[in-house]
């Protein structure tokens, strides 16, 4: 009979991995937020008007990219937090489509995965 869930030992291993990734993700998110709020401001306010106009255009583009990165990072953090909840509920690592266990190798690479490769490919 196939296993229906990972053992508590396995879940502890995944929890440690996720908590480590979560810590790094939060640090990256805070860094992106600081960049968006200009905490480390190096603007061109004191330079010539022509250069400032060109600089403002690239600054706007850069801010948009940073905002997109911050949004992606925030989504990643939420996904990791949800994975920790699944560990707590002992439903972690179970494919939400097939109901089978997601291989450990996949979970080590993508610890917030909710679908097996098989289910993902059918999408």
PDB file of N, CA and C in Angstrom:
ATOM      1  N   UNK A   1       0.837  -1.190   0.000  1.00  0.00           N
ATOM      2  CA  UNK A   1       0.000   0.000   0.000  1.00  0.00           C
ATOM      3  C   UNK A   1       0.880   1.251   0.000  1.00  0.00           C
ATOM      4  N   UNK A   2       0.511   2.230  -0.784  1.00  0.00           N
ATOM      5  CA  UNK A   2       1.291   3.463  -0.893  1.00  0.00           C
ATOM      6  C   UNK A   2       1.130   4.305   0.371  1.00  0.00           C
ATOM      7  N   UNK A   3       2.190   5.031   0.674  1.00  0.00           N
ATOM      8  CA  UNK A   3       2.127   5.929   1.831  1.00  0.00           C
ATOM      9  C   UNK A   3       1.116   7.038   1.557  1.00  0.00           C
ATOM     10  N   UNK A   4       0.408   7.457   2.601  1.00  0.00           N
ATOM     11  CA  UNK A   4      -0.575   8.523   2.423  1.00  0.00           C
ATOM     12  C   UNK A   4      -0.059   9.868   2.908  1.00  0.00           C
ATOM     13  N   UNK A   5       1.022   9.847   3.683  1.00  0.00           N
ATOM     14  CA  UNK A   5       1.635  11.104   4.129  1.00  0.00           C
ATOM     15  C   UNK A   5       3.079  10.845   4.527  1.00  0.00           C
ATOM     16  N   UNK A   6       3.822  11.943   4.653  1.00  0.00           N
ATOM     17  CA  UNK A   6       5.211  11.826   5.081  1.00  0.00           C
ATOM     18  C   UNK A   6       5.270  11.638   6.597  1.00  0.00           C
ATOM     19  N   UNK A   7       6.335  10.967   7.057  1.00  0.00           N
ATOM     20  CA  UNK A   7       6.514  10.732   8.493  1.00  0.00           C
ATOM     21  C   UNK A   7       6.808  12.047   9.208  1.00  0.00           C
ATOM     22  N   UNK A   8       6.660  12.034  10.514  1.00  0.00           N
ATOM     23  CA  UNK A   8       6.947  13.235  11.304  1.00  0.00           C
ATOM     24  C   UNK A   8       8.407  13.664  11.134  1.00  0.00           C
ATOM     25  N   UNK A   9       9.313  12.696  11.001  1.00  0.00           N
ATOM     26  CA  UNK A   9      10.733  13.001  10.796  1.00  0.00           C
ATOM     27  C   UNK A   9      10.933  13.722   9.465  1.00  0.00           C
ATOM     28  N   UNK A  10      10.272  13.212   8.421  1.00  0.00           N
ATOM     29  CA  UNK A  10      10.351  13.868   7.116  1.00  0.00           C
ATOM     30  C   UNK A  10       9.787  15.281   7.203  1.00  0.00           C
ATOM     31  N   UNK A  11       8.660  15.423   7.872  1.00  0.00           N
ATOM     32  CA  UNK A  11       8.025  16.735   7.995  1.00  0.00           C
ATOM     33  C   UNK A  11       8.929  17.717   8.731  1.00  0.00           C
ATOM     34  N   UNK A  12       9.649  17.233   9.742  1.00  0.00           N
ATOM     35  CA  UNK A  12      10.582  18.103  10.469  1.00  0.00           C
ATOM     36  C   UNK A  12      11.709  18.567   9.554  1.00  0.00           C
ATOM     37  N   UNK A  13      12.186  17.660   8.702  1.00  0.00           N
ATOM     38  CA  UNK A  13      13.245  18.023   7.742  1.00  0.00           C
ATOM     39  C   UNK A  13      12.739  19.119   6.794  1.00  0.00           C
ATOM     40  N   UNK A  14      11.533  18.940   6.277  1.00  0.00           N
ATOM     41  CA  UNK A  14      10.972  19.932   5.364  1.00  0.00           C
ATOM     42  C   UNK A  14      10.678  21.245   6.080  1.00  0.00           C
ATOM     43  N   UNK A  15      10.257  21.161   7.334  1.00  0.00           N
ATOM     44  CA  UNK A  15       9.979  22.376   8.098  1.00  0.00           C
ATOM     45  C   UNK A  15      11.250  23.202   8.261  1.00  0.00           C
ATOM     46  N   UNK A  16      12.350  22.548   8.579  1.00  0.00           N
ATOM     47  CA  UNK A  16      13.629  23.260   8.736  1.00  0.00           C
ATOM     48  C   UNK A  16      14.042  23.913   7.417  1.00  0.00           C
ATOM     49  N   UNK A  17      13.884  23.191   6.321  1.00  0.00           N
ATOM     50  CA  UNK A  17      14.220  23.720   5.000  1.00  0.00           C
ATOM     51  C   UNK A  17      13.365  24.938   4.671  1.00  0.00           C
ATOM     52  N   UNK A  18      12.075  24.844   4.931  1.00  0.00           N
ATOM     53  CA  UNK A  18      11.150  25.937   4.615  1.00  0.00           C
ATOM     54  C   UNK A  18      11.425  27.152   5.502  1.00  0.00           C
ATOM     55  N   UNK A  19      11.673  26.925   6.782  1.00  0.00           N
ATOM     56  CA  UNK A  19      11.953  28.047   7.685  1.00  0.00           C
ATOM     57  C   UNK A  19      13.217  28.793   7.258  1.00  0.00           C
ATOM     58  N   UNK A  20      14.209  28.032   6.781  1.00  0.00           N
ATOM     59  CA  UNK A  20      15.450  28.651   6.296  1.00  0.00           C
ATOM     60  C   UNK A  20      15.162  29.502   5.053  1.00  0.00           C
ATOM     61  N   UNK A  21      14.407  28.956   4.115  1.00  0.00           N
ATOM     62  CA  UNK A  21      14.055  29.691   2.896  1.00  0.00           C
ATOM     63  C   UNK A  21      13.181  30.906   3.226  1.00  0.00           C
ATOM     64  N   UNK A  22      12.316  30.759   4.211  1.00  0.00           N
ATOM     65  CA  UNK A  22      11.428  31.840   4.617  1.00  0.00           C
ATOM     66  C   UNK A  22      12.218  33.007   5.194  1.00  0.00           C
ATOM     67  N   UNK A  23      13.228  32.708   5.974  1.00  0.00           N
ATOM     68  CA  UNK A  23      14.067  33.756   6.560  1.00  0.00           C
ATOM     69  C   UNK A  23      14.782  34.557   5.464  1.00  0.00           C
ATOM     70  N   UNK A  24      15.353  33.852   4.488  1.00  0.00           N
ATOM     71  CA  UNK A  24      16.041  34.513   3.374  1.00  0.00           C
ATOM     72  C   UNK A  24      15.043  35.321   2.547  1.00  0.00           C
ATOM     73  N   UNK A  25      13.872  34.749   2.300  1.00  0.00           N
ATOM     74  CA  UNK A  25      12.846  35.427   1.499  1.00  0.00           C
ATOM     75  C   UNK A  25      12.393  36.716   2.180  1.00  0.00           C
ATOM     76  N   UNK A  26      12.227  36.679   3.490  1.00  0.00           N
ATOM     77  CA  UNK A  26      11.817  37.891   4.224  1.00  0.00           C
ATOM     78  C   UNK A  26      12.889  38.966   4.165  1.00  0.00           C
ATOM     79  N   UNK A  27      14.151  38.552   4.282  1.00  0.00           N
ATOM     80  CA  UNK A  27      15.257  39.519   4.184  1.00  0.00           C
ATOM     81  C   UNK A  27      15.275  40.167   2.801  1.00  0.00           C
ATOM     82  N   UNK A  28      15.092  39.348   1.758  1.00  0.00           N
ATOM     83  CA  UNK A  28      15.068  39.878   0.389  1.00  0.00           C
ATOM     84  C   UNK A  28      13.896  40.829   0.196  1.00  0.00           C
ATOM     85  N   UNK A  29      12.757  40.471   0.747  1.00  0.00           N
ATOM     86  CA  UNK A  29      11.565  41.315   0.629  1.00  0.00           C
ATOM     87  C   UNK A  29      11.786  42.665   1.314  1.00  0.00           C
ATOM     88  N   UNK A  30      12.365  42.645   2.505  1.00  0.00           N
ATOM     89  CA  UNK A  30      12.647  43.891   3.233  1.00  0.00           C
ATOM     90  C   UNK A  30      13.613  44.771   2.447  1.00  0.00           C
ATOM     91  N   UNK A  31      14.590  44.137   1.813  1.00  0.00           N
ATOM     92  CA  UNK A  31      15.553  44.878   1.001  1.00  0.00           C
ATOM     93  C   UNK A  31      14.846  45.553  -0.179  1.00  0.00           C
ATOM     94  N   UNK A  32      13.954  44.828  -0.826  1.00  0.00           N
ATOM     95  CA  UNK A  32      13.191  45.389  -1.945  1.00  0.00           C
ATOM     96  C   UNK A  32      12.291  46.528  -1.463  1.00  0.00           C
ATOM     97  N   UNK A  33      11.688  46.370  -0.302  1.00  0.00           N
ATOM     98  CA  UNK A  33      10.830  47.421   0.255  1.00  0.00           C
ATOM     99  C   UNK A  33      11.642  48.682   0.553  1.00  0.00           C
ATOM    100  N   UNK A  34      12.858  48.499   1.084  1.00  0.00           N
ATOM    101  CA  UNK A  34      13.726  49.645   1.353  1.00  0.00           C
ATOM    102  C   UNK A  34      14.080  50.344   0.052  1.00  0.00           C
ATOM    103  N   UNK A  35      14.352  49.580  -0.998  1.00  0.00           N
ATOM    104  CA  UNK A  35      14.690  50.170  -2.297  1.00  0.00           C
ATOM    105  C   UNK A  35      13.503  50.967  -2.836  1.00  0.00           C
ATOM    106  N   UNK A  36      12.309  50.467  -2.624  1.00  0.00           N
ATOM    107  CA  UNK A  36      11.114  51.170  -3.103  1.00  0.00           C
ATOM    108  C   UNK A  36      10.843  52.445  -2.317  1.00  0.00           C
ATOM    109  N   UNK A  37      11.183  52.437  -1.042  1.00  0.00           N
ATOM    110  CA  UNK A  37      10.912  53.608  -0.207  1.00  0.00           C
ATOM    111  C   UNK A  37      12.068  54.611  -0.242  1.00  0.00           C
ATOM    112  N   UNK A  38      13.074  54.327  -1.042  1.00  0.00           N
ATOM    113  CA  UNK A  38      14.246  55.196  -1.190  1.00  0.00           C
ATOM    114  C   UNK A  38      14.999  55.398   0.119  1.00  0.00           C
ATOM    115  N   UNK A  39      15.057  54.372   0.926  1.00  0.00           N
ATOM    116  CA  UNK A  39      15.808  54.479   2.172  1.00  0.00           C
ATOM    117  C   UNK A  39      17.295  54.713   1.884  1.00  0.00           C
ATOM    118  N   UNK A  40      17.774  54.166   0.782  1.00  0.00           N
ATOM    119  CA  UNK A  40      19.173  54.356   0.385  1.00  0.00           C
ATOM    120  C   UNK A  40      19.200  55.280  -0.829  1.00  0.00           C
ATOM    121  N   UNK A  41      18.629  56.454  -0.705  1.00  0.00           N
ATOM    122  CA  UNK A  41      18.380  57.341  -1.838  1.00  0.00           C
ATOM    123  C   UNK A  41      19.660  57.943  -2.401  1.00  0.00           C
ATOM    124  N   UNK A  42      19.874  57.714  -3.683  1.00  0.00           N
ATOM    125  CA  UNK A  42      20.971  58.331  -4.433  1.00  0.00           C
ATOM    126  C   UNK A  42      20.373  58.960  -5.686  1.00  0.00           C
ATOM    127  N   UNK A  43      19.587  60.001  -5.523  1.00  0.00           N
ATOM    128  CA  UNK A  43      18.887  60.590  -6.665  1.00  0.00           C
ATOM    129  C   UNK A  43      19.772  61.569  -7.416  1.00  0.00           C
ATOM    130  N   UNK A  44      19.204  62.111  -8.522  1.00  0.00           N
ATOM    131  CA  UNK A  44      19.940  63.052  -9.372  1.00  0.00           C
ATOM    132  C   UNK A  44      19.378  64.459  -9.229  1.00  0.00           C
ATOM    133  N   UNK A  45      18.824  64.793  -8.067  1.00  0.00           N
ATOM    134  CA  UNK A  45      18.178  66.088  -7.868  1.00  0.00           C
ATOM    135  C   UNK A  45      19.126  67.273  -8.076  1.00  0.00           C
ATOM    136  N   UNK A  46      20.404  67.053  -7.868  1.00  0.00           N
ATOM    137  CA  UNK A  46      21.350  68.164  -7.969  1.00  0.00           C
ATOM    138  C   UNK A  46      22.107  68.187  -9.298  1.00  0.00           C
ATOM    139  N   UNK A  47      21.661  67.421 -10.298  1.00  0.00           N
ATOM    140  CA  UNK A  47      22.359  67.387 -11.581  1.00  0.00           C
ATOM    141  C   UNK A  47      21.584  68.160 -12.639  1.00  0.00           C
ATOM    142  N   UNK A  48      22.133  68.223 -13.825  1.00  0.00           N
ATOM    143  CA  UNK A  48      21.508  69.022 -14.893  1.00  0.00           C
ATOM    144  C   UNK A  48      20.118  68.494 -15.256  1.00  0.00           C
ATOM    145  N   UNK A  49      19.202  69.384 -15.687  1.00  0.00           N
ATOM    146  CA  UNK A  49      17.821  68.996 -16.005  1.00  0.00           C
ATOM    147  C   UNK A  49      17.712  67.915 -17.084  1.00  0.00           C
ATOM    148  N   UNK A  50      18.552  67.956 -18.118  1.00  0.00           N
ATOM    149  CA  UNK A  50      18.475  66.968 -19.195  1.00  0.00           C
ATOM    150  C   UNK A  50      18.815  65.586 -18.667  1.00  0.00           C
ATOM    151  N   UNK A  51      19.887  65.506 -17.920  1.00  0.00           N
ATOM    152  CA  UNK A  51      20.294  64.213 -17.347  1.00  0.00           C
ATOM    153  C   UNK A  51      19.227  63.715 -16.387  1.00  0.00           C
ATOM    154  N   UNK A  52      18.652  64.641 -15.619  1.00  0.00           N
ATOM    155  CA  UNK A  52      17.623  64.266 -14.653  1.00  0.00           C
ATOM    156  C   UNK A  52      16.410  63.667 -15.356  1.00  0.00           C
ATOM    157  N   UNK A  53      16.001  64.222 -16.511  1.00  0.00           N
ATOM    158  CA  UNK A  53      14.856  63.693 -17.254  1.00  0.00           C
ATOM    159  C   UNK A  53      15.111  62.259 -17.703  1.00  0.00           C
ATOM    160  N   UNK A  54      16.308  62.018 -18.239  1.00  0.00           N
ATOM    161  CA  UNK A  54      16.654  60.664 -18.688  1.00  0.00           C
ATOM    162  C   UNK A  54      16.716  59.717 -17.497  1.00  0.00           C
ATOM    163  N   UNK A  55      17.275  60.199 -16.426  1.00  0.00           N
ATOM    164  CA  UNK A  55      17.425  59.393 -15.221  1.00  0.00           C
ATOM    165  C   UNK A  55      16.060  59.046 -14.625  1.00  0.00           C
ATOM    166  N   UNK A  56      15.120  60.005 -14.646  1.00  0.00           N
ATOM    167  CA  UNK A  56      13.784  59.767 -14.100  1.00  0.00           C
ATOM    168  C   UNK A  56      13.073  58.639 -14.840  1.00  0.00           C
ATOM    169  N   UNK A  57      13.247  58.572 -16.156  1.00  0.00           N
ATOM    170  CA  UNK A  57      12.630  57.514 -16.955  1.00  0.00           C
ATOM    171  C   UNK A  57      13.151  56.150 -16.563  1.00  0.00           C
ATOM    172  N   UNK A  58      14.459  56.039 -16.427  1.00  0.00           N
ATOM    173  CA  UNK A  58      15.023  54.745 -16.050  1.00  0.00           C
ATOM    174  C   UNK A  58      14.723  54.430 -14.584  1.00  0.00           C
ATOM    175  N   UNK A  59      14.602  55.468 -13.772  1.00  0.00           N
ATOM    176  CA  UNK A  59      14.260  55.250 -12.361  1.00  0.00           C
ATOM    177  C   UNK A  59      12.849  54.691 -12.235  1.00  0.00           C
ATOM    178  N   UNK A  60      11.916  55.217 -13.056  1.00  0.00           N
ATOM    179  CA  UNK A  60      10.541  54.727 -13.035  1.00  0.00           C
ATOM    180  C   UNK A  60      10.507  53.264 -13.451  1.00  0.00           C
ATOM    181  N   UNK A  61      11.249  52.932 -14.502  1.00  0.00           N
ATOM    182  CA  UNK A  61      11.314  51.553 -14.978  1.00  0.00           C
ATOM    183  C   UNK A  61      11.890  50.654 -13.894  1.00  0.00           C
ATOM    184  N   UNK A  62      12.940  51.104 -13.255  1.00  0.00           N
ATOM    185  CA  UNK A  62      13.588  50.330 -12.205  1.00  0.00           C
ATOM    186  C   UNK A  62      12.653  50.138 -11.006  1.00  0.00           C
ATOM    187  N   UNK A  63      11.919  51.178 -10.658  1.00  0.00           N
ATOM    188  CA  UNK A  63      10.978  51.085  -9.531  1.00  0.00           C
ATOM    189  C   UNK A  63       9.866  50.080  -9.845  1.00  0.00           C
ATOM    190  N   UNK A  64       9.399  50.063 -11.096  1.00  0.00           N
ATOM    191  CA  UNK A  64       8.359  49.108 -11.486  1.00  0.00           C
ATOM    192  C   UNK A  64       8.873  47.682 -11.393  1.00  0.00           C
ATOM    193  N   UNK A  65      10.101  47.480 -11.861  1.00  0.00           N
ATOM    194  CA  UNK A  65      10.711  46.151 -11.775  1.00  0.00           C
ATOM    195  C   UNK A  65      10.893  45.739 -10.320  1.00  0.00           C
ATOM    196  N   UNK A  66      11.327  46.659  -9.500  1.00  0.00           N
ATOM    197  CA  UNK A  66      11.510  46.374  -8.078  1.00  0.00           C
ATOM    198  C   UNK A  66      10.176  46.052  -7.414  1.00  0.00           C
ATOM    199  N   UNK A  67       9.143  46.785  -7.778  1.00  0.00           N
ATOM    200  CA  UNK A  67       7.805  46.523  -7.222  1.00  0.00           C
ATOM    201  C   UNK A  67       7.317  45.143  -7.642  1.00  0.00           C
ATOM    202  N   UNK A  68       7.578  44.748  -8.885  1.00  0.00           N
ATOM    203  CA  UNK A  68       7.184  43.415  -9.349  1.00  0.00           C
ATOM    204  C   UNK A  68       7.950  42.335  -8.600  1.00  0.00           C
ATOM    205  N   UNK A  69       9.238  42.561  -8.403  1.00  0.00           N
ATOM    206  CA  UNK A  69      10.047  41.606  -7.643  1.00  0.00           C
ATOM    207  C   UNK A  69       9.536  41.487  -6.211  1.00  0.00           C
ATOM    208  N   UNK A  70       9.182  42.622  -5.612  1.00  0.00           N
ATOM    209  CA  UNK A  70       8.662  42.618  -4.239  1.00  0.00           C
ATOM    210  C   UNK A  70       7.350  41.840  -4.171  1.00  0.00           C
ATOM    211  N   UNK A  71       6.489  42.025  -5.162  1.00  0.00           N
ATOM    212  CA  UNK A  71       5.208  41.307  -5.188  1.00  0.00           C
ATOM    213  C   UNK A  71       5.431  39.804  -5.328  1.00  0.00           C
ATOM    214  N   UNK A  72       6.363  39.422  -6.189  1.00  0.00           N
ATOM    215  CA  UNK A  72       6.686  37.992  -6.350  1.00  0.00           C
ATOM    216  C   UNK A  72       7.260  37.412  -5.060  1.00  0.00           C
ATOM    217  N   UNK A  73       8.119  38.195  -4.412  1.00  0.00           N
ATOM    218  CA  UNK A  73       8.741  37.736  -3.162  1.00  0.00           C
ATOM    219  C   UNK A  73       7.678  37.568  -2.081  1.00  0.00           C
ATOM    220  N   UNK A  74       6.735  38.499  -2.037  1.00  0.00           N
ATOM    221  CA  UNK A  74       5.657  38.420  -1.049  1.00  0.00           C
ATOM    222  C   UNK A  74       4.801  37.181  -1.291  1.00  0.00           C
ATOM    223  N   UNK A  75       4.519  36.876  -2.545  1.00  0.00           N
ATOM    224  CA  UNK A  75       3.741  35.678  -2.895  1.00  0.00           C
ATOM    225  C   UNK A  75       4.508  34.419  -2.482  1.00  0.00           C
ATOM    226  N   UNK A  76       5.823  34.418  -2.702  1.00  0.00           N
ATOM    227  CA  UNK A  76       6.674  33.298  -2.314  1.00  0.00           C
ATOM    228  C   UNK A  76       6.617  33.085  -0.797  1.00  0.00           C
ATOM    229  N   UNK A  77       6.673  34.182  -0.042  1.00  0.00           N
ATOM    230  CA  UNK A  77       6.596  34.105   1.422  1.00  0.00           C
ATOM    231  C   UNK A  77       5.267  33.488   1.852  1.00  0.00           C
ATOM    232  N   UNK A  78       4.176  33.931   1.248  1.00  0.00           N
ATOM    233  CA  UNK A  78       2.848  33.381   1.573  1.00  0.00           C
ATOM    234  C   UNK A  78       2.804  31.880   1.257  1.00  0.00           C
ATOM    235  N   UNK A  79       3.358  31.494   0.104  1.00  0.00           N
ATOM    236  CA  UNK A  79       3.376  30.079  -0.266  1.00  0.00           C
ATOM    237  C   UNK A  79       4.178  29.244   0.727  1.00  0.00           C
ATOM    238  N   UNK A  80       5.303  29.785   1.192  1.00  0.00           N
ATOM    239  CA  UNK A  80       6.111  29.075   2.196  1.00  0.00           C
ATOM    240  C   UNK A  80       5.358  28.972   3.526  1.00  0.00           C
ATOM    241  N   UNK A  81       4.678  30.052   3.918  1.00  0.00           N
ATOM    242  CA  UNK A  81       3.898  30.017   5.155  1.00  0.00           C
ATOM    243  C   UNK A  81       2.770  28.984   5.059  1.00  0.00           C
ATOM    244  N   UNK A  82       2.141  28.912   3.886  1.00  0.00           N
ATOM    245  CA  UNK A  82       1.087  27.912   3.677  1.00  0.00           C
ATOM    246  C   UNK A  82       1.649  26.497   3.755  1.00  0.00           C
ATOM    247  N   UNK A  83       2.875  26.318   3.261  1.00  0.00           N
ATOM    248  CA  UNK A  83       3.532  25.009   3.347  1.00  0.00           C
ATOM    249  C   UNK A  83       3.758  24.631   4.816  1.00  0.00           C
ATOM    250  N   UNK A  84       4.133  25.607   5.640  1.00  0.00           N
ATOM    251  CA  UNK A  84       4.315  25.335   7.078  1.00  0.00           C
ATOM    252  C   UNK A  84       2.987  24.935   7.725  1.00  0.00           C
ATOM    253  N   UNK A  85       1.894  25.543   7.290  1.00  0.00           N
ATOM    254  CA  UNK A  85       0.574  25.154   7.801  1.00  0.00           C
ATOM    255  C   UNK A  85       0.236  23.722   7.404  1.00  0.00           C
ATOM    256  N   UNK A  86       0.579  23.351   6.173  1.00  0.00           N
ATOM    257  CA  UNK A  86       0.322  21.977   5.728  1.00  0.00           C
ATOM    258  C   UNK A  86       1.159  20.989   6.531  1.00  0.00           C
ATOM    259  N   UNK A  87       2.370  21.384   6.909  1.00  0.00           N
ATOM    260  CA  UNK A  87       3.198  20.517   7.752  1.00  0.00           C
ATOM    261  C   UNK A  87       2.507  20.336   9.103  1.00  0.00           C
ATOM    262  N   UNK A  88       2.047  21.437   9.669  1.00  0.00           N
ATOM    263  CA  UNK A  88       1.354  21.394  10.964  1.00  0.00           C
ATOM    264  C   UNK A  88       0.118  20.491  10.889  1.00  0.00           C
ATOM    265  N   UNK A  89      -0.609  20.560   9.759  1.00  0.00           N
ATOM    266  CA  UNK A  89      -1.817  19.749   9.571  1.00  0.00           C
ATOM    267  C   UNK A  89      -1.507  18.340   9.075  1.00  0.00           C
ATOM    268  N   UNK A  90      -0.219  18.073   8.848  1.00  0.00           N
ATOM    269  CA  UNK A  90       0.260  16.779   8.348  1.00  0.00           C
ATOM    270  C   UNK A  90      -0.304  16.430   6.969  1.00  0.00           C
ATOM    271  N   UNK A  91      -0.539  17.461   6.161  1.00  0.00           N
ATOM    272  CA  UNK A  91      -0.995  17.251   4.787  1.00  0.00           C
ATOM    273  C   UNK A  91       0.081  17.686   3.794  1.00  0.00           C
ATOM    274  N   UNK A  92       1.236  18.046   4.300  1.00  0.00           N
ATOM    275  CA  UNK A  92       2.327  18.518   3.450  1.00  0.00           C
ATOM    276  C   UNK A  92       2.827  17.400   2.535  1.00  0.00           C
ATOM    277  N   UNK A  93       3.083  17.768   1.290  1.00  0.00           N
ATOM    278  CA  UNK A  93       3.679  16.818   0.353  1.00  0.00           C
ATOM    279  C   UNK A  93       2.678  15.944  -0.364  1.00  0.00           C
ATOM    280  N   UNK A  94       1.404  16.199  -0.155  1.00  0.00           N
ATOM    281  CA  UNK A  94       0.368  15.436  -0.839  1.00  0.00           C
ATOM    282  C   UNK A  94      -0.140  16.274  -2.008  1.00  0.00           C
ATOM    283  N   UNK A  95      -0.094  15.699  -3.202  1.00  0.00           N
ATOM    284  CA  UNK A  95      -0.530  16.408  -4.402  1.00  0.00           C
ATOM    285  C   UNK A  95      -2.017  16.722  -4.294  1.00  0.00           C
ATOM    286  N   UNK A  96      -2.375  17.982  -4.527  1.00  0.00           N
ATOM    287  CA  UNK A  96      -3.775  18.380  -4.388  1.00  0.00           C
ATOM    288  C   UNK A  96      -4.630  17.909  -5.554  1.00  0.00           C
ATOM    289  N   UNK A  97      -3.997  17.391  -6.609  1.00  0.00           N
ATOM    290  CA  UNK A  97      -4.745  16.880  -7.760  1.00  0.00           C
ATOM    291  C   UNK A  97      -4.881  15.362  -7.693  1.00  0.00           C
ATOM    292  N   UNK A  98      -3.744  14.680  -7.526  1.00  0.00           N
ATOM    293  CA  UNK A  98      -3.756  13.214  -7.565  1.00  0.00           C
ATOM    294  C   UNK A  98      -3.942  12.573  -6.194  1.00  0.00           C
ATOM    295  N   UNK A  99      -3.636  13.306  -5.131  1.00  0.00           N
ATOM    296  CA  UNK A  99      -3.723  12.737  -3.786  1.00  0.00           C
ATOM    297  C   UNK A  99      -2.533  11.865  -3.422  1.00  0.00           C
ATOM    298  N   UNK A 100      -1.563  11.758  -4.345  1.00  0.00           N
ATOM    299  CA  UNK A 100      -0.359  10.960  -4.103  1.00  0.00           C
ATOM    300  C   UNK A 100       0.711  11.835  -3.469  1.00  0.00           C
ATOM    301  N   UNK A 101       1.707  11.173  -2.885  1.00  0.00           N
ATOM    302  CA  UNK A 101       2.822  11.915  -2.303  1.00  0.00           C
ATOM    303  C   UNK A 101       3.674  12.537  -3.409  1.00  0.00           C
ATOM    304  N   UNK A 102       4.031  13.790  -3.216  1.00  0.00           N
ATOM    305  CA  UNK A 102       4.960  14.467  -4.129  1.00  0.00           C
ATOM    306  C   UNK A 102       6.361  13.961  -3.769  1.00  0.00           C
ATOM    307  N   UNK A 103       7.155  13.572  -4.755  1.00  0.00           N
ATOM    308  CA  UNK A 103       8.502  13.053  -4.448  1.00  0.00           C
ATOM    309  C   UNK A 103       9.333  14.041  -3.618  1.00  0.00           C
ATOM    310  N   UNK A 104      10.104  13.478  -2.698  1.00  0.00           N
ATOM    311  CA  UNK A 104      10.949  14.301  -1.819  1.00  0.00           C
ATOM    312  C   UNK A 104      11.890  15.196  -2.613  1.00  0.00           C
ATOM    313  N   UNK A 105      12.419  14.680  -3.733  1.00  0.00           N
ATOM    314  CA  UNK A 105      13.364  15.463  -4.542  1.00  0.00           C
ATOM    315  C   UNK A 105      12.705  16.758  -5.009  1.00  0.00           C
ATOM    316  N   UNK A 106      11.443  16.659  -5.438  1.00  0.00           N
ATOM    317  CA  UNK A 106      10.718  17.852  -5.897  1.00  0.00           C
ATOM    318  C   UNK A 106      10.503  18.809  -4.730  1.00  0.00           C
ATOM    319  N   UNK A 107      10.125  18.287  -3.583  1.00  0.00           N
ATOM    320  CA  UNK A 107       9.856  19.138  -2.422  1.00  0.00           C
ATOM    321  C   UNK A 107      11.134  19.811  -1.910  1.00  0.00           C
ATOM    322  N   UNK A 108      12.262  19.160  -2.077  1.00  0.00           N
ATOM    323  CA  UNK A 108      13.525  19.790  -1.654  1.00  0.00           C
ATOM    324  C   UNK A 108      13.864  20.965  -2.558  1.00  0.00           C
ATOM    325  N   UNK A 109      13.502  20.842  -3.846  1.00  0.00           N
ATOM    326  CA  UNK A 109      13.764  21.926  -4.800  1.00  0.00           C
ATOM    327  C   UNK A 109      12.697  23.010  -4.736  1.00  0.00           C
ATOM    328  N   UNK A 110      11.433  22.597  -4.577  1.00  0.00           N
ATOM    329  CA  UNK A 110      10.301  23.528  -4.538  1.00  0.00           C
ATOM    330  C   UNK A 110       9.476  23.160  -3.302  1.00  0.00           C
ATOM    331  N   UNK A 111       9.929  23.600  -2.124  1.00  0.00           N
ATOM    332  CA  UNK A 111       9.294  23.144  -0.884  1.00  0.00           C
ATOM    333  C   UNK A 111       7.840  23.585  -0.699  1.00  0.00           C
ATOM    334  N   UNK A 112       7.394  24.552  -1.492  1.00  0.00           N
ATOM    335  CA  UNK A 112       6.014  25.009  -1.373  1.00  0.00           C
ATOM    336  C   UNK A 112       5.108  24.364  -2.426  1.00  0.00           C
ATOM    337  N   UNK A 113       5.635  23.359  -3.151  1.00  0.00           N
ATOM    338  CA  UNK A 113       4.862  22.697  -4.205  1.00  0.00           C
ATOM    339  C   UNK A 113       3.609  22.041  -3.626  1.00  0.00           C
ATOM    340  N   UNK A 114       2.520  22.161  -4.376  1.00  0.00           N
ATOM    341  CA  UNK A 114       1.268  21.515  -3.962  1.00  0.00           C
ATOM    342  C   UNK A 114       0.814  20.486  -4.989  1.00  0.00           C
ATOM    343  N   UNK A 115       1.596  20.374  -6.076  1.00  0.00           N
ATOM    344  CA  UNK A 115       1.253  19.401  -7.109  1.00  0.00           C
ATOM    345  C   UNK A 115       2.487  18.615  -7.531  1.00  0.00           C
ATOM    346  N   UNK A 116       2.262  17.359  -7.883  1.00  0.00           N
ATOM    347  CA  UNK A 116       3.346  16.543  -8.430  1.00  0.00           C
ATOM    348  C   UNK A 116       3.635  17.018  -9.847  1.00  0.00           C
ATOM    349  N   UNK A 117       4.761  16.608 -10.374  1.00  0.00           N
ATOM    350  CA  UNK A 117       5.117  16.952 -11.754  1.00  0.00           C
ATOM    351  C   UNK A 117       4.053  16.404 -12.702  1.00  0.00           C
ATOM    352  N   UNK A 118       3.601  15.202 -12.418  1.00  0.00           N
ATOM    353  CA  UNK A 118       2.574  14.560 -13.241  1.00  0.00           C
ATOM    354  C   UNK A 118       1.327  15.447 -13.342  1.00  0.00           C
ATOM    355  N   UNK A 119       0.848  15.951 -12.221  1.00  0.00           N
ATOM    356  CA  UNK A 119      -0.334  16.804 -12.205  1.00  0.00           C
ATOM    357  C   UNK A 119      -0.048  18.156 -12.849  1.00  0.00           C
ATOM    358  N   UNK A 120       1.139  18.681 -12.608  1.00  0.00           N
ATOM    359  CA  UNK A 120       1.527  19.986 -13.159  1.00  0.00           C
ATOM    360  C   UNK A 120       1.569  19.929 -14.685  1.00  0.00           C
ATOM    361  N   UNK A 121       2.084  18.835 -15.227  1.00  0.00           N
ATOM    362  CA  UNK A 121       2.186  18.683 -16.679  1.00  0.00           C
ATOM    363  C   UNK A 121       0.826  18.554 -17.353  1.00  0.00           C
ATOM    364  N   UNK A 122      -0.174  18.105 -16.631  1.00  0.00           N
ATOM    365  CA  UNK A 122      -1.529  17.957 -17.183  1.00  0.00           C
ATOM    366  C   UNK A 122      -2.284  19.273 -17.236  1.00  0.00           C
ATOM    367  N   UNK A 123      -1.772  20.291 -16.579  1.00  0.00           N
ATOM    368  CA  UNK A 123      -2.450  21.598 -16.545  1.00  0.00           C
ATOM    369  C   UNK A 123      -2.541  22.229 -17.905  1.00  0.00           C
TER     370      UNK A 123
END
